Protein backbone atom coordinates (compact mmCIF):
# COMPACT_ATOMS: atom_id res chain seq x y z
CA MET A 1 -91.10 112.68 64.70
CA THR A 2 -87.49 112.21 65.77
CA ARG A 3 -85.97 110.26 68.82
CA PRO A 4 -85.84 113.31 71.11
CA GLU A 5 -89.19 113.99 70.78
CA LEU A 6 -90.22 110.46 71.34
CA ARG A 7 -88.11 110.34 74.18
CA ALA A 8 -89.77 113.62 75.16
CA VAL A 9 -93.43 111.53 74.94
CA ALA A 10 -92.29 109.14 77.24
CA ASP A 11 -90.91 111.67 79.49
CA ARG A 12 -94.41 113.55 79.77
CA ILE A 13 -96.31 110.45 80.31
CA GLN A 14 -93.94 109.61 83.30
CA ALA A 15 -94.30 113.38 84.31
CA ALA A 16 -98.05 112.82 83.94
CA TRP A 17 -98.03 109.13 86.47
CA GLU A 18 -95.88 111.17 88.76
CA THR A 19 -97.69 114.03 89.36
CA GLY A 20 -100.69 112.41 89.75
CA ARG A 21 -102.72 112.98 86.98
CA ILE A 22 -102.92 109.30 85.10
CA CYS A 23 -102.95 106.22 86.29
CA SER A 24 -99.46 104.80 87.01
CA LEU A 25 -100.05 101.31 86.21
CA ALA A 26 -101.37 102.41 82.76
CA GLY A 27 -98.58 105.23 82.62
CA ARG A 28 -95.82 102.95 83.52
CA GLY A 29 -96.76 100.50 80.92
CA LEU A 30 -97.37 102.94 78.05
CA ARG A 31 -94.26 104.92 78.62
CA ALA A 32 -92.59 101.16 78.36
CA ARG A 33 -93.98 101.09 75.01
CA VAL A 34 -92.69 104.30 73.90
CA VAL A 35 -89.05 103.37 75.20
CA ARG A 36 -89.26 100.30 73.14
CA ALA A 37 -90.67 101.71 70.06
CA VAL A 38 -87.31 103.90 70.26
CA ARG A 39 -85.62 100.88 70.37
CA LEU A 40 -87.33 99.15 67.42
CA LEU A 41 -86.65 102.19 65.70
CA ASP A 42 -83.22 102.30 66.45
CA ALA A 43 -82.46 98.59 65.15
CA GLY A 44 -84.38 99.07 61.94
CA LEU A 45 -87.08 97.47 63.12
CA LEU A 46 -89.66 100.15 63.04
CA SER A 47 -90.09 103.14 60.63
CA PRO A 48 -89.97 106.58 61.73
CA ALA A 49 -93.77 107.04 60.93
CA GLU A 50 -94.73 103.63 62.58
CA ALA A 51 -92.77 104.59 65.85
CA GLU A 52 -94.32 108.08 65.85
CA ARG A 53 -98.02 106.54 65.31
CA ILE A 54 -96.86 104.27 68.56
CA ALA A 55 -96.08 107.08 70.83
CA ILE A 56 -98.68 109.14 69.82
CA GLU A 57 -101.58 106.64 70.61
CA ALA A 58 -99.77 105.32 73.96
CA GLU A 59 -99.63 108.68 74.86
CA ASN A 60 -103.15 109.66 74.24
CA VAL A 61 -104.44 106.11 75.79
CA ALA A 62 -102.54 106.96 78.86
CA LEU A 63 -104.06 110.44 79.68
CA ALA A 64 -107.57 108.51 79.35
CA PHE A 65 -106.85 106.81 82.46
CA GLY A 66 -107.12 108.71 85.38
CA PRO A 67 -105.68 107.94 88.52
CA LEU A 68 -106.97 105.00 91.00
CA PRO A 69 -108.73 106.52 94.45
CA VAL A 70 -105.93 105.73 97.53
CA PRO A 71 -107.82 104.91 100.20
CA ALA A 72 -107.63 106.26 103.65
CA GLY A 73 -104.43 104.93 105.40
CA GLY A 74 -102.91 103.46 102.41
CA LEU A 75 -103.64 99.91 100.49
CA HIS A 76 -103.64 96.65 102.33
CA ASP A 77 -103.47 93.43 100.63
């Protein structure tokens, strides 16, 4: 998987939470994990195979978490 393909995984995760397909909390964290893997790859701290594995795992996990329901009237703390 090339760096552009890894970045595309991060973009797909972001698009999934922005369109309400997945939990935004999980999506944000898992997108950050992919972005971090790309940075570690660029720094020579991860192999391309490791970065690919991390990206695939992150996308699969992100897609496993549906969005949380939002109550009528919004959220209140």
